[in-house]
Each structure stands twice: as C-alpha cells, then as structure tokens.
Amino acid sequence: MAEIVNLRRVKKQRAAAEQAAEAQRNRVLHGRTKGEKLRDRLEAERAARGADGARLEPAKD
C-alpha cells in the first residue's frame, strides 16, 4: 500500500530546500569580508591610476 503524503508539507519542504540552495549560492557570490572588498577596491583604483598615468595626450600644434 502507498504511503500517505501531505502535499502541503512536501511543497513547504521543497521550497525551503530551494531557498537554502539559493542562499548558499549568494553566500559564495556576495559573502566577502570587508577587507576583501577594500582590497579589490584599492586594486581597481591603482589600476585606474596606472592607466591614467600612461595615457598619451594628443599633440597640440
């Protein structure tokens, strides 16, 4: 004989599992420490300064 299943409970469990999986993906993508964010921002600024310093200005005749 088949097991009786409460569909509402199954739907809630499935939704909770999906939310947990999405939360894990977001933690991987966005879960950086303040130091890591600061380091990345400083590296981007340093790269921008280096590019600005190497830019050639058009010759004015």
N, C-alpha and C. Protein backbone atom coordinates (compact mmCIF):
# COMPACT_ATOMS: atom_id res chain seq x y z
N MET A 1 0.84 -1.17 0.00
CA MET A 1 0.00 0.00 0.00
C MET A 1 0.89 1.24 0.00
N ALA A 2 0.45 2.30 -0.62
CA ALA A 2 1.23 3.52 -0.77
C ALA A 2 1.23 4.32 0.53
N GLU A 3 2.28 5.07 0.68
CA GLU A 3 2.41 5.93 1.87
C GLU A 3 1.61 7.20 1.65
N ILE A 4 0.89 7.64 2.66
CA ILE A 4 0.09 8.85 2.57
C ILE A 4 1.03 10.04 2.78
N VAL A 5 0.93 11.03 1.88
CA VAL A 5 1.83 12.18 1.90
C VAL A 5 1.00 13.45 1.98
N ASN A 6 1.39 14.34 2.87
CA ASN A 6 0.74 15.64 2.98
C ASN A 6 1.40 16.55 1.95
N LEU A 7 0.67 16.90 0.90
CA LEU A 7 1.24 17.68 -0.20
C LEU A 7 1.69 19.06 0.25
N ARG A 8 0.97 19.66 1.17
CA ARG A 8 1.34 20.99 1.65
C ARG A 8 2.71 20.93 2.33
N ARG A 9 2.92 19.91 3.12
CA ARG A 9 4.20 19.76 3.81
C ARG A 9 5.34 19.51 2.82
N VAL A 10 5.08 18.70 1.79
CA VAL A 10 6.09 18.41 0.77
C VAL A 10 6.45 19.69 0.03
N LYS A 11 5.45 20.51 -0.33
CA LYS A 11 5.70 21.77 -1.02
C LYS A 11 6.54 22.71 -0.16
N LYS A 12 6.24 22.77 1.12
CA LYS A 12 7.00 23.63 2.03
C LYS A 12 8.44 23.14 2.16
N GLN A 13 8.62 21.84 2.24
CA GLN A 13 9.97 21.29 2.34
C GLN A 13 10.76 21.56 1.08
N ARG A 14 10.13 21.42 -0.08
CA ARG A 14 10.79 21.68 -1.35
C ARG A 14 11.17 23.15 -1.46
N ALA A 15 10.28 24.05 -1.06
CA ALA A 15 10.56 25.49 -1.10
C ALA A 15 11.71 25.84 -0.16
N ALA A 16 11.73 25.24 1.02
CA ALA A 16 12.81 25.50 1.97
C ALA A 16 14.15 25.03 1.42
N ALA A 17 14.15 23.89 0.75
CA ALA A 17 15.39 23.37 0.17
C ALA A 17 15.89 24.28 -0.95
N GLU A 18 14.97 24.80 -1.77
CA GLU A 18 15.36 25.71 -2.85
C GLU A 18 15.91 27.01 -2.28
N GLN A 19 15.28 27.53 -1.24
CA GLN A 19 15.76 28.76 -0.61
C GLN A 19 17.14 28.56 0.01
N ALA A 20 17.36 27.40 0.60
CA ALA A 20 18.66 27.11 1.20
C ALA A 20 19.74 27.03 0.12
N ALA A 21 19.41 26.44 -1.01
CA ALA A 21 20.38 26.34 -2.11
C ALA A 21 20.69 27.72 -2.67
N GLU A 22 19.67 28.56 -2.82
CA GLU A 22 19.89 29.91 -3.33
C GLU A 22 20.71 30.73 -2.34
N ALA A 23 20.44 30.56 -1.06
CA ALA A 23 21.20 31.28 -0.04
C ALA A 23 22.68 30.87 -0.09
N GLN A 24 22.94 29.60 -0.31
CA GLN A 24 24.32 29.13 -0.40
C GLN A 24 25.02 29.74 -1.61
N ARG A 25 24.32 29.80 -2.76
CA ARG A 25 24.91 30.42 -3.95
C ARG A 25 25.20 31.90 -3.70
N ASN A 26 24.29 32.60 -3.01
CA ASN A 26 24.50 34.01 -2.73
C ASN A 26 25.66 34.22 -1.76
N ARG A 27 25.81 33.31 -0.80
CA ARG A 27 26.94 33.43 0.14
C ARG A 27 28.26 33.31 -0.60
N VAL A 28 28.30 32.43 -1.59
CA VAL A 28 29.52 32.25 -2.37
C VAL A 28 29.79 33.50 -3.20
N LEU A 29 28.76 34.05 -3.83
CA LEU A 29 28.93 35.20 -4.71
C LEU A 29 29.19 36.49 -3.96
N HIS A 30 28.44 36.72 -2.90
CA HIS A 30 28.46 38.02 -2.25
C HIS A 30 29.07 37.99 -0.85
N GLY A 31 29.42 36.86 -0.36
CA GLY A 31 29.88 36.74 1.01
C GLY A 31 31.36 37.03 1.16
N ARG A 32 31.74 38.27 0.95
CA ARG A 32 33.15 38.64 1.09
C ARG A 32 33.32 39.49 2.33
N THR A 33 34.47 39.41 2.93
CA THR A 33 34.73 40.21 4.12
C THR A 33 34.99 41.65 3.74
N LYS A 34 34.94 42.52 4.73
CA LYS A 34 35.17 43.93 4.50
C LYS A 34 36.59 44.16 3.95
N GLY A 35 37.55 43.41 4.45
CA GLY A 35 38.92 43.51 3.98
C GLY A 35 39.07 43.12 2.52
N GLU A 36 38.36 42.07 2.11
CA GLU A 36 38.43 41.64 0.71
C GLU A 36 37.83 42.69 -0.21
N LYS A 37 36.71 43.28 0.21
CA LYS A 37 36.08 44.33 -0.60
C LYS A 37 37.01 45.54 -0.70
N LEU A 38 37.64 45.91 0.40
CA LEU A 38 38.56 47.05 0.41
C LEU A 38 39.76 46.78 -0.49
N ARG A 39 40.30 45.57 -0.41
CA ARG A 39 41.44 45.20 -1.24
C ARG A 39 41.10 45.29 -2.72
N ASP A 40 39.93 44.77 -3.10
CA ASP A 40 39.51 44.82 -4.50
C ASP A 40 39.32 46.26 -4.97
N ARG A 41 38.74 47.10 -4.12
CA ARG A 41 38.53 48.50 -4.49
C ARG A 41 39.86 49.22 -4.66
N LEU A 42 40.82 48.97 -3.77
CA LEU A 42 42.12 49.60 -3.86
C LEU A 42 42.87 49.14 -5.11
N GLU A 43 42.78 47.87 -5.43
CA GLU A 43 43.42 47.36 -6.64
C GLU A 43 42.83 48.01 -7.89
N ALA A 44 41.51 48.19 -7.91
CA ALA A 44 40.87 48.82 -9.07
C ALA A 44 41.31 50.28 -9.19
N GLU A 45 41.41 50.98 -8.06
CA GLU A 45 41.86 52.37 -8.10
C GLU A 45 43.31 52.47 -8.57
N ARG A 46 44.15 51.55 -8.11
CA ARG A 46 45.56 51.54 -8.50
C ARG A 46 45.68 51.29 -10.01
N ALA A 47 44.90 50.38 -10.52
CA ALA A 47 44.92 50.09 -11.96
C ALA A 47 44.45 51.30 -12.76
N ALA A 48 43.44 52.00 -12.26
CA ALA A 48 42.93 53.18 -12.97
C ALA A 48 43.99 54.28 -12.97
N ARG A 49 44.68 54.47 -11.85
CA ARG A 49 45.74 55.49 -11.78
C ARG A 49 46.87 55.14 -12.74
N GLY A 50 47.23 53.88 -12.83
CA GLY A 50 48.29 53.45 -13.74
C GLY A 50 47.91 53.68 -15.19
N ALA A 51 46.65 53.44 -15.51
CA ALA A 51 46.19 53.65 -16.88
C ALA A 51 46.15 55.14 -17.20
N ASP A 52 45.74 55.97 -16.23
CA ASP A 52 45.70 57.41 -16.45
C ASP A 52 47.10 57.98 -16.61
N GLY A 53 48.06 57.45 -15.87
CA GLY A 53 49.43 57.93 -15.96
C GLY A 53 50.10 57.56 -17.27
N ALA A 54 49.65 56.50 -17.91
CA ALA A 54 50.28 56.04 -19.15
C ALA A 54 49.55 56.59 -20.38
N ARG A 55 48.48 57.33 -20.15
CA ARG A 55 47.72 57.86 -21.28
C ARG A 55 48.50 58.95 -22.00
N LEU A 56 48.50 58.90 -23.31
CA LEU A 56 49.19 59.90 -24.11
C LEU A 56 48.20 61.00 -24.50
N GLU A 57 48.63 62.22 -24.37
CA GLU A 57 47.79 63.35 -24.76
C GLU A 57 48.06 63.66 -26.24
N PRO A 58 47.05 64.07 -26.97
CA PRO A 58 47.27 64.42 -28.38
C PRO A 58 48.17 65.66 -28.48
N ALA A 59 49.03 65.66 -29.48
CA ALA A 59 49.98 66.77 -29.68
C ALA A 59 49.22 68.00 -30.13
N LYS A 60 49.53 69.15 -29.50
CA LYS A 60 48.90 70.40 -29.88
C LYS A 60 49.88 71.19 -30.73
N ASP A 61 49.51 71.50 -31.95
CA ASP A 61 50.40 72.24 -32.87
C ASP A 61 50.15 73.72 -32.83
